[in-house]
C-alpha cells in the first residue's frame, strides 16, 4: 500500500517558520505531482500547494502565496513545504498526497489524490 509520511510540524509563534517534509519509502515521488493540504478543526480539507513531477512548476493557494515554498529533493525522495511568516490561521493538520490523475498540478480535489499520510500538526500561537 502506497503511503506518504509527513513530519516537521510543531508549535511556533506568529511570524515564525517551519519546514514540513513529505517522504515515501516504497515508491518514487518523482513519478508524481505532490500536493500539500491542510485541515483545521471544523473545516474542510483545503489544498495549500502543489509541485509537478518534474519540480518545474508549482502552485499555491492565495492564502499562502509569498509565504510558503514547495520543493522536492529527488535524492532524498522527499517533498518539502517551507512555511514562513506563519499566522494563527495557518493552524491545522497538514497532509501530503500524490496526484493520481496528472503529472502536473491540476487543482486540489481530494478525490484526485492518494497515498495520504497521517498528517502533521502545525500550531501557530503566542
Foldseek 3Di string as FASTA:
>chain_A
DFAKAKDWADEAAQQAKIKMKIATDPDAQLQFKKWKWWDDPPDDIDTAKIAFSNRPDMDGDPVQPPFWDWGDDRVRSMIMIIGGRDDQVVWTWMKMWTQQPDRGDDDCDVVRTDNIYPTDTHGYHD
